[in-house]
């Protein structure tokens, strides 16, 4: 691994959001030698850490971003890699590992607000599709933020695209704490 810092994320939408946020903050992760590694799901964290630290001999700054429901996978992976024991969420944050309350999209929707997210959906020409989705029996009557989260995840590639778009739409002072925390942890000395 040719990096001084690595951020482990569950999927490509997380990587897209962090790449976009870094750009918006004026950071060039490539020149900082920060690599964001999409693991294809939280259950791979132990294997990825083993490969990174044992096979590749990585010893730089390490951070991670996951959904709250997958925090246990990250805790077990870190412990298996010899990075702490009996890690509480606050311990993990001290190590640079942050959890999104439900998931990345939930964090971004709460930070932006429903109206702003709907405006982004409209800018993408998908507001009609979203309205159709809202009227499906399984989703009718649910909270709009829940509907938006699910809608963003219903089509291949949409979560990645919206990872970029929603971060681009954010006011910098409204960036969710987990995203800020992860990037701050891997900032250079």
Protein backbone atom coordinates (compact mmCIF):
# COMPACT_ATOMS: atom_id res chain seq x y z
CA UNK A 1 0.00 0.00 0.00
CA UNK A 2 1.46 3.32 -1.08
CA UNK A 3 -0.37 5.49 1.45
CA UNK A 4 0.35 7.26 4.71
CA UNK A 5 -3.30 6.98 5.79
CA UNK A 6 -6.17 4.63 4.99
CA UNK A 7 -9.89 5.13 5.51
CA UNK A 8 -11.95 1.92 5.48
CA UNK A 9 -15.54 2.33 4.31
CA UNK A 10 -18.33 -0.14 3.69
CA UNK A 11 -19.15 0.81 0.12
CA UNK A 12 -18.62 2.98 -2.91
CA UNK A 13 -21.19 5.60 -1.88
CA UNK A 14 -19.23 6.22 1.33
CA UNK A 15 -16.05 6.65 -0.69
CA UNK A 16 -17.82 9.01 -3.11
CA UNK A 17 -19.10 11.16 -0.26
CA UNK A 18 -15.69 11.36 1.46
CA UNK A 19 -13.89 12.12 -1.82
CA UNK A 20 -16.36 14.92 -2.52
CA UNK A 21 -16.13 16.30 1.01
CA UNK A 22 -12.32 16.30 0.89
CA UNK A 23 -12.43 18.22 -2.40
CA UNK A 24 -14.89 20.72 -0.93
CA UNK A 25 -12.59 21.20 2.05
CA UNK A 26 -9.71 21.95 -0.30
CA UNK A 27 -7.91 18.71 0.41
CA UNK A 28 -6.17 16.59 -2.22
CA UNK A 29 -6.23 13.11 -0.72
CA UNK A 30 -3.98 11.70 -3.42
CA UNK A 31 -1.20 14.20 -2.73
CA UNK A 32 -1.74 13.69 1.02
CA UNK A 33 -1.29 9.96 0.37
CA UNK A 34 -4.68 9.13 1.87
CA UNK A 35 -6.44 6.11 0.40
CA UNK A 36 -10.15 5.44 0.86
CA UNK A 37 -10.76 1.70 0.64
CA UNK A 38 -14.26 0.45 -0.16
CA UNK A 39 -14.51 -3.01 1.40
CA UNK A 40 -17.76 -4.17 -0.19
CA UNK A 41 -19.48 -4.47 3.19
CA UNK A 42 -18.61 -4.29 6.86
CA UNK A 43 -18.14 -8.02 7.29
CA UNK A 44 -14.88 -7.75 5.31
CA UNK A 45 -13.22 -5.37 7.79
CA UNK A 46 -11.26 -8.06 9.65
CA UNK A 47 -9.92 -9.58 6.46
CA UNK A 48 -9.06 -6.16 5.01
CA UNK A 49 -7.25 -5.13 8.21
CA UNK A 50 -5.32 -8.43 8.26
CA UNK A 51 -4.25 -7.94 4.65
CA UNK A 52 -3.43 -4.29 5.16
CA UNK A 53 -1.41 -4.67 8.33
CA UNK A 54 0.07 -8.15 7.97
CA UNK A 55 0.53 -8.76 4.25
CA UNK A 56 1.13 -5.16 3.19
CA UNK A 57 2.84 -4.01 6.39
CA UNK A 58 0.81 -0.82 6.65
CA UNK A 59 1.64 1.22 9.76
CA UNK A 60 0.19 4.66 8.96
CA UNK A 61 -2.90 6.47 10.17
CA UNK A 62 -6.05 4.38 10.01
CA UNK A 63 -9.70 5.44 10.14
CA UNK A 64 -13.09 4.08 9.14
CA UNK A 65 -16.72 4.89 8.51
CA UNK A 66 -19.60 2.46 8.95
CA UNK A 67 -23.31 2.31 9.68
CA UNK A 68 -24.26 2.09 13.35
CA UNK A 69 -25.73 -1.38 12.78
CA UNK A 70 -22.34 -2.58 11.52
CA UNK A 71 -20.32 -1.12 14.39
CA UNK A 72 -19.90 -4.62 15.86
CA UNK A 73 -18.19 -5.84 12.68
CA UNK A 74 -15.72 -2.96 12.94
CA UNK A 75 -15.17 -3.54 16.68
CA UNK A 76 -14.42 -7.23 16.12
CA UNK A 77 -12.18 -6.46 13.13
CA UNK A 78 -10.15 -3.90 15.09
CA UNK A 79 -9.80 -6.24 18.07
CA UNK A 80 -8.78 -9.12 15.80
CA UNK A 81 -6.11 -6.85 14.28
CA UNK A 82 -4.81 -6.04 17.77
CA UNK A 83 -6.13 -2.48 17.78
CA UNK A 84 -7.84 -2.30 21.16
CA UNK A 85 -10.08 -4.57 23.22
CA UNK A 86 -13.65 -4.16 24.47
CA UNK A 87 -13.99 -1.05 22.30
CA UNK A 88 -16.89 1.25 23.11
CA UNK A 89 -18.09 3.62 20.36
CA UNK A 90 -16.20 6.50 22.01
CA UNK A 91 -13.02 4.38 22.03
CA UNK A 92 -13.49 3.69 18.35
CA UNK A 93 -13.87 7.38 17.56
CA UNK A 94 -10.60 7.99 19.38
CA UNK A 95 -9.06 5.50 16.95
CA UNK A 96 -10.64 7.30 13.98
CA UNK A 97 -13.61 4.96 13.41
CA UNK A 98 -16.99 6.66 13.21
CA UNK A 99 -20.52 5.32 12.81
CA UNK A 100 -23.37 6.92 10.87
CA UNK A 101 -26.62 6.75 12.88
CA UNK A 102 -28.56 4.67 10.36
CA UNK A 103 -26.33 5.02 7.33
CA UNK A 104 -24.57 7.62 5.22
CA UNK A 105 -27.75 8.63 3.41
CA UNK A 106 -29.58 9.15 6.70
CA UNK A 107 -26.78 11.43 7.93
CA UNK A 108 -26.84 13.46 4.72
CA UNK A 109 -30.64 13.73 4.57
CA UNK A 110 -30.78 14.94 8.18
CA UNK A 111 -27.97 17.45 7.56
CA UNK A 112 -29.58 18.84 4.40
CA UNK A 113 -33.25 18.53 5.30
CA UNK A 114 -35.93 16.83 3.23
CA UNK A 115 -36.71 19.87 1.04
CA UNK A 116 -33.07 20.29 0.00
CA UNK A 117 -32.72 16.58 -0.80
CA UNK A 118 -35.91 16.68 -2.86
CA UNK A 119 -34.42 19.66 -4.73
CA UNK A 120 -31.34 17.56 -5.54
CA UNK A 121 -33.59 14.71 -6.70
CA UNK A 122 -35.50 17.18 -8.87
CA UNK A 123 -32.24 18.56 -10.34
CA UNK A 124 -31.43 14.99 -11.36
CA UNK A 125 -34.75 14.66 -13.19
CA UNK A 126 -35.93 11.97 -10.75
CA UNK A 127 -38.61 13.78 -8.77
CA UNK A 128 -41.39 12.11 -10.80
CA UNK A 129 -39.87 8.69 -10.13
CA UNK A 130 -39.58 9.57 -6.45
CA UNK A 131 -43.26 10.61 -6.29
CA UNK A 132 -44.22 7.30 -7.92
CA UNK A 133 -42.08 5.48 -5.37
CA UNK A 134 -43.79 7.36 -2.52
CA UNK A 135 -47.16 6.09 -3.71
CA UNK A 136 -46.18 2.43 -3.70
CA UNK A 137 -48.22 0.60 -1.04
CA UNK A 138 -45.14 -0.44 0.97
CA UNK A 139 -43.93 3.17 1.21
CA UNK A 140 -47.15 5.18 1.24
CA UNK A 141 -47.59 7.05 4.50
CA UNK A 142 -44.03 6.68 5.69
CA UNK A 143 -41.89 9.65 6.64
CA UNK A 144 -40.38 11.41 3.63
CA UNK A 145 -36.83 11.03 4.95
CA UNK A 146 -37.31 7.24 5.10
CA UNK A 147 -38.72 7.27 1.58
CA UNK A 148 -35.76 9.28 0.30
CA UNK A 149 -33.26 6.91 1.93
CA UNK A 150 -34.88 3.91 0.31
CA UNK A 151 -35.36 5.63 -3.06
CA UNK A 152 -31.66 6.52 -3.21
CA UNK A 153 -30.80 2.84 -2.73
CA UNK A 154 -33.25 1.36 -5.25
CA UNK A 155 -31.26 1.69 -8.46
CA UNK A 156 -27.75 0.51 -9.26
CA UNK A 157 -25.29 3.39 -9.03
CA UNK A 158 -27.77 5.83 -7.52
CA UNK A 159 -26.26 5.70 -4.01
CA UNK A 160 -22.82 6.53 -5.40
CA UNK A 161 -24.16 9.40 -7.50
CA UNK A 162 -26.14 10.81 -4.60
CA UNK A 163 -23.14 10.39 -2.29
CA UNK A 164 -21.42 13.02 -4.43
CA UNK A 165 -24.50 15.17 -5.01
CA UNK A 166 -25.72 15.40 -1.43
CA UNK A 167 -22.27 16.30 -0.08
CA UNK A 168 -21.97 18.93 -2.82
CA UNK A 169 -25.31 20.40 -1.69
CA UNK A 170 -24.27 20.64 1.98
CA UNK A 171 -23.25 23.83 3.70
CA UNK A 172 -19.78 23.08 5.08
CA UNK A 173 -20.88 23.93 8.61
CA UNK A 174 -23.60 21.25 8.35
CA UNK A 175 -21.33 18.31 7.44
CA UNK A 176 -22.27 15.29 9.57
CA UNK A 177 -19.86 14.63 12.45
CA UNK A 178 -18.84 11.12 11.31
CA UNK A 179 -17.68 12.39 7.91
CA UNK A 180 -15.80 15.34 9.42
CA UNK A 181 -14.25 13.13 12.08
CA UNK A 182 -12.93 10.51 9.67
CA UNK A 183 -11.29 13.06 7.40
CA UNK A 184 -9.87 15.01 10.35
CA UNK A 185 -8.32 11.83 11.73
CA UNK A 186 -6.33 11.20 8.55
CA UNK A 187 -5.18 14.78 8.10
CA UNK A 188 -1.41 15.10 7.92
CA UNK A 189 0.70 16.03 10.91
